């Protein structure tokens, strides 16, 4: 089933994503709104494919009714620690200059609201990735290999958005084929641990929402160098995240 699910998610998502990319200009209102729609595709496709194959409706193998506070807290704290490590590396190891006039108070106050808003949209991804595919890939390939495959699928799925220069402008190919796949593998390790241990999708939902919210803040903090060096701090942070959680898994 995992192969049908992966083929369906990537095939349909790419067909819609690259069609939209060809129709709409990067700066158009339609394209700016499109990623919000795109995030729902893994869930919708997974639910429909699962229903077609199993003749039952399901939101995946993880529970929406379990609320383990320890793992929910881990889903919030881990991306926060990752963000702090990444900021430290960029500032003191790679010597990026921080922008002037950053309104820290506003950013911190808006963070909870941003997390709640993003939570709604990334549910579409997490139902597909952690809810359905994670268990299927682990059962087929084992824990670490299964999670690596899941991370690669998750990363490559971003290609229609990334190739439009979503974060890195002229280095869109590095964003699509290096940064996203690598970071999604790294992030999938702690997300697998907290969802496997809790049996709940909520730790992954919060992890993803907090990570994306902090990532938005991170993009505003530093003057980027406009080169491939911009991906290096993230890769170093990813390695530091990957190794301990791969060991725990």
C-alpha atoms as a PDB file:
ATOM      1  CA  UNK A   1       0.000   0.000   0.000  1.00  0.00           C
ATOM      2  CA  UNK A   2       2.854   2.387   0.793  1.00  0.00           C
ATOM      3  CA  UNK A   3       3.982   2.417  -2.851  1.00  0.00           C
ATOM      4  CA  UNK A   4       0.480   3.225  -4.112  1.00  0.00           C
ATOM      5  CA  UNK A   5       0.169   5.955  -1.500  1.00  0.00           C
ATOM      6  CA  UNK A   6       3.529   7.564  -2.322  1.00  0.00           C
ATOM      7  CA  UNK A   7       2.878   7.385  -6.078  1.00  0.00           C
ATOM      8  CA  UNK A   8      -0.596   8.872  -5.646  1.00  0.00           C
ATOM      9  CA  UNK A   9       0.507  11.720  -3.360  1.00  0.00           C
ATOM     10  CA  UNK A  10       3.518  12.732  -5.451  1.00  0.00           C
ATOM     11  CA  UNK A  11       1.820  12.167  -8.805  1.00  0.00           C
ATOM     12  CA  UNK A  12      -1.341  14.141  -8.068  1.00  0.00           C
ATOM     13  CA  UNK A  13       0.477  16.836  -6.067  1.00  0.00           C
ATOM     14  CA  UNK A  14       3.060  17.346  -8.812  1.00  0.00           C
ATOM     15  CA  UNK A  15       0.394  17.455 -11.527  1.00  0.00           C
ATOM     16  CA  UNK A  16      -1.531  20.154  -9.661  1.00  0.00           C
ATOM     17  CA  UNK A  17       1.572  21.954  -8.335  1.00  0.00           C
ATOM     18  CA  UNK A  18       3.460  22.239 -11.612  1.00  0.00           C
ATOM     19  CA  UNK A  19       0.277  23.183 -13.492  1.00  0.00           C
ATOM     20  CA  UNK A  20      -0.322  26.015 -11.010  1.00  0.00           C
ATOM     21  CA  UNK A  21       3.338  27.009 -11.236  1.00  0.00           C
ATOM     22  CA  UNK A  22       3.062  27.300 -15.007  1.00  0.00           C
ATOM     23  CA  UNK A  23      -0.207  29.232 -14.947  1.00  0.00           C
ATOM     24  CA  UNK A  24       0.494  31.796 -12.234  1.00  0.00           C
ATOM     25  CA  UNK A  25       3.312  34.270 -11.839  1.00  0.00           C
ATOM     26  CA  UNK A  26       5.399  34.045  -8.674  1.00  0.00           C
ATOM     27  CA  UNK A  27       4.186  37.434  -7.472  1.00  0.00           C
ATOM     28  CA  UNK A  28       0.512  36.887  -8.285  1.00  0.00           C
ATOM     29  CA  UNK A  29      -2.097  36.688  -5.548  1.00  0.00           C
ATOM     30  CA  UNK A  30      -3.154  33.257  -6.819  1.00  0.00           C
ATOM     31  CA  UNK A  31       0.326  31.786  -6.482  1.00  0.00           C
ATOM     32  CA  UNK A  32       0.875  33.312  -3.048  1.00  0.00           C
ATOM     33  CA  UNK A  33      -2.339  31.625  -1.876  1.00  0.00           C
ATOM     34  CA  UNK A  34      -1.610  28.321  -3.620  1.00  0.00           C
ATOM     35  CA  UNK A  35       0.742  26.795  -0.966  1.00  0.00           C
ATOM     36  CA  UNK A  36      -2.132  26.971   1.524  1.00  0.00           C
ATOM     37  CA  UNK A  37      -4.193  24.721  -0.756  1.00  0.00           C
ATOM     38  CA  UNK A  38      -1.199  22.500  -1.582  1.00  0.00           C
ATOM     39  CA  UNK A  39      -0.678  21.553   2.075  1.00  0.00           C
ATOM     40  CA  UNK A  40      -4.027  19.731   2.170  1.00  0.00           C
ATOM     41  CA  UNK A  41      -3.214  17.377  -0.708  1.00  0.00           C
ATOM     42  CA  UNK A  42      -1.310  14.666   1.251  1.00  0.00           C
ATOM     43  CA  UNK A  43      -4.247  14.226   3.642  1.00  0.00           C
ATOM     44  CA  UNK A  44      -6.990  14.318   1.008  1.00  0.00           C
ATOM     45  CA  UNK A  45      -5.159  11.926  -1.316  1.00  0.00           C
ATOM     46  CA  UNK A  46      -4.229   9.526   1.523  1.00  0.00           C
ATOM     47  CA  UNK A  47      -7.779   9.399   2.881  1.00  0.00           C
ATOM     48  CA  UNK A  48      -9.262   8.731  -0.570  1.00  0.00           C
ATOM     49  CA  UNK A  49      -6.657   6.117  -1.561  1.00  0.00           C
ATOM     50  CA  UNK A  50      -7.026   4.339   1.795  1.00  0.00           C
ATOM     51  CA  UNK A  51     -10.810   4.308   1.378  1.00  0.00           C
ATOM     52  CA  UNK A  52     -10.506   2.936  -2.156  1.00  0.00           C
ATOM     53  CA  UNK A  53      -8.175   0.130  -1.055  1.00  0.00           C
ATOM     54  CA  UNK A  54      -9.612  -0.692   2.383  1.00  0.00           C
ATOM     55  CA  UNK A  55     -13.259   0.288   1.942  1.00  0.00           C
ATOM     56  CA  UNK A  56     -13.197   2.319   5.129  1.00  0.00           C
ATOM     57  CA  UNK A  57     -12.745   5.961   6.064  1.00  0.00           C
ATOM     58  CA  UNK A  58      -9.711   6.780   8.176  1.00  0.00           C
ATOM     59  CA  UNK A  59      -7.499   9.713   9.178  1.00  0.00           C
ATOM     60  CA  UNK A  60      -4.487   7.436   9.561  1.00  0.00           C
ATOM     61  CA  UNK A  61      -2.911   5.231  12.199  1.00  0.00           C
ATOM     62  CA  UNK A  62      -2.280   7.948  14.798  1.00  0.00           C
ATOM     63  CA  UNK A  63      -4.933   9.047  17.276  1.00  0.00           C
ATOM     64  CA  UNK A  64      -6.576  12.467  17.397  1.00  0.00           C
ATOM     65  CA  UNK A  65      -7.952  11.624  20.854  1.00  0.00           C
ATOM     66  CA  UNK A  66      -4.740  10.983  22.790  1.00  0.00           C
ATOM     67  CA  UNK A  67      -3.200  14.005  24.510  1.00  0.00           C
ATOM     68  CA  UNK A  68       0.078  12.994  26.161  1.00  0.00           C
ATOM     69  CA  UNK A  69       1.317  16.245  27.679  1.00  0.00           C
ATOM     70  CA  UNK A  70       4.943  15.086  27.851  1.00  0.00           C
ATOM     71  CA  UNK A  71       5.150  14.468  24.103  1.00  0.00           C
ATOM     72  CA  UNK A  72       3.020  17.493  23.274  1.00  0.00           C
ATOM     73  CA  UNK A  73       5.532  19.565  25.250  1.00  0.00           C
ATOM     74  CA  UNK A  74       8.357  17.840  23.363  1.00  0.00           C
ATOM     75  CA  UNK A  75       6.682  18.815  20.094  1.00  0.00           C
ATOM     76  CA  UNK A  76       6.915  22.449  21.177  1.00  0.00           C
ATOM     77  CA  UNK A  77      10.329  22.438  22.867  1.00  0.00           C
ATOM     78  CA  UNK A  78      12.364  20.490  20.288  1.00  0.00           C
ATOM     79  CA  UNK A  79      11.790  22.909  17.366  1.00  0.00           C
ATOM     80  CA  UNK A  80      12.407  25.819  19.744  1.00  0.00           C
ATOM     81  CA  UNK A  81      15.802  24.361  20.708  1.00  0.00           C
ATOM     82  CA  UNK A  82      16.564  23.693  17.026  1.00  0.00           C
ATOM     83  CA  UNK A  83      15.734  27.325  16.220  1.00  0.00           C
ATOM     84  CA  UNK A  84      18.012  28.635  18.993  1.00  0.00           C
ATOM     85  CA  UNK A  85      20.877  26.397  17.833  1.00  0.00           C
ATOM     86  CA  UNK A  86      20.391  27.549  14.235  1.00  0.00           C
ATOM     87  CA  UNK A  87      20.410  31.235  15.237  1.00  0.00           C
ATOM     88  CA  UNK A  88      23.571  30.681  17.322  1.00  0.00           C
ATOM     89  CA  UNK A  89      25.325  28.971  14.417  1.00  0.00           C
ATOM     90  CA  UNK A  90      24.370  31.665  11.935  1.00  0.00           C
ATOM     91  CA  UNK A  91      25.414  34.504  14.217  1.00  0.00           C
ATOM     92  CA  UNK A  92      28.587  33.199  15.859  1.00  0.00           C
ATOM     93  CA  UNK A  93      29.872  30.416  13.596  1.00  0.00           C
ATOM     94  CA  UNK A  94      28.902  31.578  10.100  1.00  0.00           C
ATOM     95  CA  UNK A  95      28.992  35.297  11.032  1.00  0.00           C
ATOM     96  CA  UNK A  96      25.684  36.422   9.567  1.00  0.00           C
ATOM     97  CA  UNK A  97      24.695  39.974  10.467  1.00  0.00           C
ATOM     98  CA  UNK A  98      21.409  40.477  12.267  1.00  0.00           C
ATOM     99  CA  UNK A  99      19.031  43.034  10.804  1.00  0.00           C
ATOM    100  CA  UNK A 100      18.421  46.262  12.671  1.00  0.00           C
ATOM    101  CA  UNK A 101      15.062  47.236  14.098  1.00  0.00           C
ATOM    102  CA  UNK A 102      13.703  43.779  14.817  1.00  0.00           C
ATOM    103  CA  UNK A 103      10.528  44.064  16.883  1.00  0.00           C
ATOM    104  CA  UNK A 104      11.113  41.129  19.231  1.00  0.00           C
ATOM    105  CA  UNK A 105       8.110  41.935  21.395  1.00  0.00           C
ATOM    106  CA  UNK A 106       5.744  41.827  18.430  1.00  0.00           C
ATOM    107  CA  UNK A 107       7.295  38.612  17.066  1.00  0.00           C
ATOM    108  CA  UNK A 108       7.005  36.841  20.422  1.00  0.00           C
ATOM    109  CA  UNK A 109       3.438  38.010  21.028  1.00  0.00           C
ATOM    110  CA  UNK A 110       2.338  36.942  17.558  1.00  0.00           C
ATOM    111  CA  UNK A 111       4.009  33.517  17.773  1.00  0.00           C
ATOM    112  CA  UNK A 112       1.146  31.642  19.555  1.00  0.00           C
ATOM    113  CA  UNK A 113      -1.410  32.968  17.065  1.00  0.00           C
ATOM    114  CA  UNK A 114       0.821  32.032  14.133  1.00  0.00           C
ATOM    115  CA  UNK A 115       1.210  28.525  15.534  1.00  0.00           C
ATOM    116  CA  UNK A 116      -2.559  28.111  15.830  1.00  0.00           C
ATOM    117  CA  UNK A 117      -3.147  29.344  12.274  1.00  0.00           C
ATOM    118  CA  UNK A 118      -0.407  27.192  10.774  1.00  0.00           C
ATOM    119  CA  UNK A 119      -1.692  24.201  12.772  1.00  0.00           C
ATOM    120  CA  UNK A 120      -4.842  24.178  10.646  1.00  0.00           C
ATOM    121  CA  UNK A 121      -2.988  24.050   7.363  1.00  0.00           C
ATOM    122  CA  UNK A 122      -0.157  21.650   8.198  1.00  0.00           C
ATOM    123  CA  UNK A 123      -2.731  19.112   9.438  1.00  0.00           C
ATOM    124  CA  UNK A 124      -3.099  18.258   5.765  1.00  0.00           C
ATOM    125  CA  UNK A 125       0.551  17.303   5.596  1.00  0.00           C
ATOM    126  CA  UNK A 126       0.768  15.507   8.926  1.00  0.00           C
ATOM    127  CA  UNK A 127      -2.258  13.288   8.287  1.00  0.00           C
ATOM    128  CA  UNK A 128      -0.540  12.127   5.112  1.00  0.00           C
ATOM    129  CA  UNK A 129       3.054  11.864   6.331  1.00  0.00           C
ATOM    130  CA  UNK A 130       2.872  10.821   9.981  1.00  0.00           C
ATOM    131  CA  UNK A 131      -0.739   9.611  10.009  1.00  0.00           C
ATOM    132  CA  UNK A 132      -0.598   7.206   7.069  1.00  0.00           C
ATOM    133  CA  UNK A 133       2.851   6.787   5.525  1.00  0.00           C
ATOM    134  CA  UNK A 134       5.001   6.625   8.657  1.00  0.00           C
ATOM    135  CA  UNK A 135       3.611   3.306   9.937  1.00  0.00           C
ATOM    136  CA  UNK A 136       3.476   1.734   6.471  1.00  0.00           C
ATOM    137  CA  UNK A 137       7.126   2.590   5.742  1.00  0.00           C
ATOM    138  CA  UNK A 138       8.355   1.527   9.185  1.00  0.00           C
ATOM    139  CA  UNK A 139       6.540  -1.814   8.864  1.00  0.00           C
ATOM    140  CA  UNK A 140       8.127  -2.369   5.464  1.00  0.00           C
ATOM    141  CA  UNK A 141      11.684  -1.068   5.943  1.00  0.00           C
ATOM    142  CA  UNK A 142      12.308  -0.750   9.693  1.00  0.00           C
ATOM    143  CA  UNK A 143      12.305   2.379  11.804  1.00  0.00           C
ATOM    144  CA  UNK A 144      15.305   4.420  10.658  1.00  0.00           C
ATOM    145  CA  UNK A 145      15.211   3.441   6.973  1.00  0.00           C
ATOM    146  CA  UNK A 146      11.443   3.933   6.877  1.00  0.00           C
ATOM    147  CA  UNK A 147      11.755   7.405   8.384  1.00  0.00           C
ATOM    148  CA  UNK A 148      14.534   8.365   5.948  1.00  0.00           C
ATOM    149  CA  UNK A 149      12.306   7.355   3.026  1.00  0.00           C
ATOM    150  CA  UNK A 150       9.396   9.276   4.525  1.00  0.00           C
ATOM    151  CA  UNK A 151      11.563  12.383   4.936  1.00  0.00           C
ATOM    152  CA  UNK A 152      12.755  12.186   1.329  1.00  0.00           C
ATOM    153  CA  UNK A 153       9.192  11.841   0.031  1.00  0.00           C
ATOM    154  CA  UNK A 154       8.082  14.743   2.238  1.00  0.00           C
ATOM    155  CA  UNK A 155      10.999  16.891   1.036  1.00  0.00           C
ATOM    156  CA  UNK A 156      10.597  16.109  -2.666  1.00  0.00           C
ATOM    157  CA  UNK A 157       6.854  16.805  -2.407  1.00  0.00           C
ATOM    158  CA  UNK A 158       7.760  20.493  -1.856  1.00  0.00           C
ATOM    159  CA  UNK A 159       9.385  20.733  -5.320  1.00  0.00           C
ATOM    160  CA  UNK A 160       6.614  22.618  -7.181  1.00  0.00           C
ATOM    161  CA  UNK A 161       6.676  25.319  -4.495  1.00  0.00           C
ATOM    162  CA  UNK A 162      10.446  25.362  -3.946  1.00  0.00           C
ATOM    163  CA  UNK A 163      11.295  25.521  -7.652  1.00  0.00           C
ATOM    164  CA  UNK A 164       9.404  28.801  -7.795  1.00  0.00           C
ATOM    165  CA  UNK A 165      11.974  30.250  -5.383  1.00  0.00           C
ATOM    166  CA  UNK A 166       9.871  30.059  -2.231  1.00  0.00           C
ATOM    167  CA  UNK A 167      12.734  30.810   0.184  1.00  0.00           C
ATOM    168  CA  UNK A 168      16.019  30.973  -1.738  1.00  0.00           C
ATOM    169  CA  UNK A 169      15.242  32.948  -4.879  1.00  0.00           C
ATOM    170  CA  UNK A 170      17.777  32.185  -7.628  1.00  0.00           C
ATOM    171  CA  UNK A 171      19.054  29.080  -5.812  1.00  0.00           C
ATOM    172  CA  UNK A 172      15.663  27.395  -6.049  1.00  0.00           C
ATOM    173  CA  UNK A 173      17.192  24.128  -7.283  1.00  0.00           C
ATOM    174  CA  UNK A 174      19.263  23.793  -4.085  1.00  0.00           C
ATOM    175  CA  UNK A 175      16.168  24.520  -2.013  1.00  0.00           C
ATOM    176  CA  UNK A 176      14.108  21.912  -3.885  1.00  0.00           C
ATOM    177  CA  UNK A 177      16.651  19.084  -4.202  1.00  0.00           C
ATOM    178  CA  UNK A 178      19.068  19.594  -1.286  1.00  0.00           C
ATOM    179  CA  UNK A 179      17.617  21.685   1.514  1.00  0.00           C
ATOM    180  CA  UNK A 180      14.040  20.428   1.659  1.00  0.00           C
ATOM    181  CA  UNK A 181      14.786  16.679   1.305  1.00  0.00           C
ATOM    182  CA  UNK A 182      17.669  16.807   3.785  1.00  0.00           C
ATOM    183  CA  UNK A 183      15.863  18.888   6.399  1.00  0.00           C
ATOM    184  CA  UNK A 184      12.678  16.841   6.088  1.00  0.00           C
ATOM    185  CA  UNK A 185      14.677  13.673   6.809  1.00  0.00           C
ATOM    186  CA  UNK A 186      16.233  15.367   9.842  1.00  0.00           C
ATOM    187  CA  UNK A 187      12.922  16.717  11.153  1.00  0.00           C
ATOM    188  CA  UNK A 188      11.201  13.383  10.587  1.00  0.00           C
ATOM    189  CA  UNK A 189      13.435  11.705  13.182  1.00  0.00           C
ATOM    190  CA  UNK A 190      12.193  13.552  16.307  1.00  0.00           C
ATOM    191  CA  UNK A 191       8.673  13.688  14.875  1.00  0.00           C
ATOM    192  CA  UNK A 192       8.698   9.912  14.502  1.00  0.00           C
ATOM    193  CA  UNK A 193       9.924   9.413  18.042  1.00  0.00           C
ATOM    194  CA  UNK A 194       7.273  11.592  19.688  1.00  0.00           C
ATOM    195  CA  UNK A 195       4.429  10.163  17.595  1.00  0.00           C
ATOM    196  CA  UNK A 196       5.477   6.522  17.989  1.00  0.00           C
ATOM    197  CA  UNK A 197       5.866   6.915  21.750  1.00  0.00           C
ATOM    198  CA  UNK A 198       2.600   8.815  22.197  1.00  0.00           C
ATOM    199  CA  UNK A 199       0.466   7.114  19.530  1.00  0.00           C
ATOM    200  CA  UNK A 200      -0.927  10.602  18.877  1.00  0.00           C
ATOM    201  CA  UNK A 201      -0.704  12.955  15.931  1.00  0.00           C
ATOM    202  CA  UNK A 202      -0.793  16.083  18.124  1.00  0.00           C
ATOM    203  CA  UNK A 203       2.933  16.179  18.986  1.00  0.00           C
ATOM    204  CA  UNK A 204       3.752  16.151  15.257  1.00  0.00           C
ATOM    205  CA  UNK A 205       1.137  18.808  14.489  1.00  0.00           C
ATOM    206  CA  UNK A 206       2.562  21.133  17.132  1.00  0.00           C
ATOM    207  CA  UNK A 207       6.163  20.360  16.153  1.00  0.00           C
ATOM    208  CA  UNK A 208       5.449  21.219  12.513  1.00  0.00           C
ATOM    209  CA  UNK A 209       3.481  24.375  13.362  1.00  0.00           C
ATOM    210  CA  UNK A 210       6.081  25.683  15.825  1.00  0.00           C
ATOM    211  CA  UNK A 211       8.930  24.869  13.434  1.00  0.00           C
ATOM    212  CA  UNK A 212       7.272  26.723  10.548  1.00  0.00           C
ATOM    213  CA  UNK A 213       6.381  29.712  12.744  1.00  0.00           C
ATOM    214  CA  UNK A 214       9.927  30.023  14.044  1.00  0.00           C
ATOM    215  CA  UNK A 215      11.264  29.529  10.529  1.00  0.00           C
ATOM    216  CA  UNK A 216       9.309  32.596   9.443  1.00  0.00           C
ATOM    217  CA  UNK A 217      10.960  34.588  12.222  1.00  0.00           C
ATOM    218  CA  UNK A 218      14.360  33.186  11.268  1.00  0.00           C
ATOM    219  CA  UNK A 219      14.015  34.469   7.707  1.00  0.00           C
ATOM    220  CA  UNK A 220      13.602  38.003   9.097  1.00  0.00           C
ATOM    221  CA  UNK A 221      16.552  37.927  11.498  1.00  0.00           C
ATOM    222  CA  UNK A 222      19.596  37.930   9.235  1.00  0.00           C
ATOM    223  CA  UNK A 223      20.864  39.588   6.086  1.00  0.00           C
ATOM    224  CA  UNK A 224      21.238  36.650   3.713  1.00  0.00           C
ATOM    225  CA  UNK A 225      24.390  36.288   1.659  1.00  0.00           C
ATOM    226  CA  UNK A 226      22.481  35.333  -1.479  1.00  0.00           C
ATOM    227  CA  UNK A 227      24.660  32.290  -2.120  1.00  0.00           C
ATOM    228  CA  UNK A 228      24.606  28.551  -1.565  1.00  0.00           C
ATOM    229  CA  UNK A 229      26.242  29.241   1.794  1.00  0.00           C
ATOM    230  CA  UNK A 230      22.749  30.135   3.020  1.00  0.00           C
ATOM    231  CA  UNK A 231      21.844  26.433   3.197  1.00  0.00           C
ATOM    232  CA  UNK A 232      24.952  25.404   5.185  1.00  0.00           C
ATOM    233  CA  UNK A 233      23.783  26.545   8.678  1.00  0.00           C
ATOM    234  CA  UNK A 234      20.550  24.614   8.181  1.00  0.00           C
ATOM    235  CA  UNK A 235      22.423  21.506   7.101  1.00  0.00           C
ATOM    236  CA  UNK A 236      24.679  21.686  10.166  1.00  0.00           C
ATOM    237  CA  UNK A 237      21.646  22.184  12.413  1.00  0.00           C
ATOM    238  CA  UNK A 238      19.951  19.259  10.667  1.00  0.00           C
ATOM    239  CA  UNK A 239      22.897  16.943  11.325  1.00  0.00           C
ATOM    240  CA  UNK A 240      22.887  17.899  15.007  1.00  0.00           C
ATOM    241  CA  UNK A 241      19.174  17.076  15.099  1.00  0.00           C
ATOM    242  CA  UNK A 242      19.390  13.891  13.048  1.00  0.00           C
ATOM    243  CA  UNK A 243      22.097  12.004  14.918  1.00  0.00           C
ATOM    244  CA  UNK A 244      20.685  11.759  18.462  1.00  0.00           C
ATOM    245  CA  UNK A 245      17.122  11.014  17.367  1.00  0.00           C
ATOM    246  CA  UNK A 246      18.221   8.415  14.815  1.00  0.00           C
ATOM    247  CA  UNK A 247      20.122   6.786  17.689  1.00  0.00           C
ATOM    248  CA  UNK A 248      17.064   6.892  19.979  1.00  0.00           C
ATOM    249  CA  UNK A 249      14.869   5.417  17.256  1.00  0.00           C
END
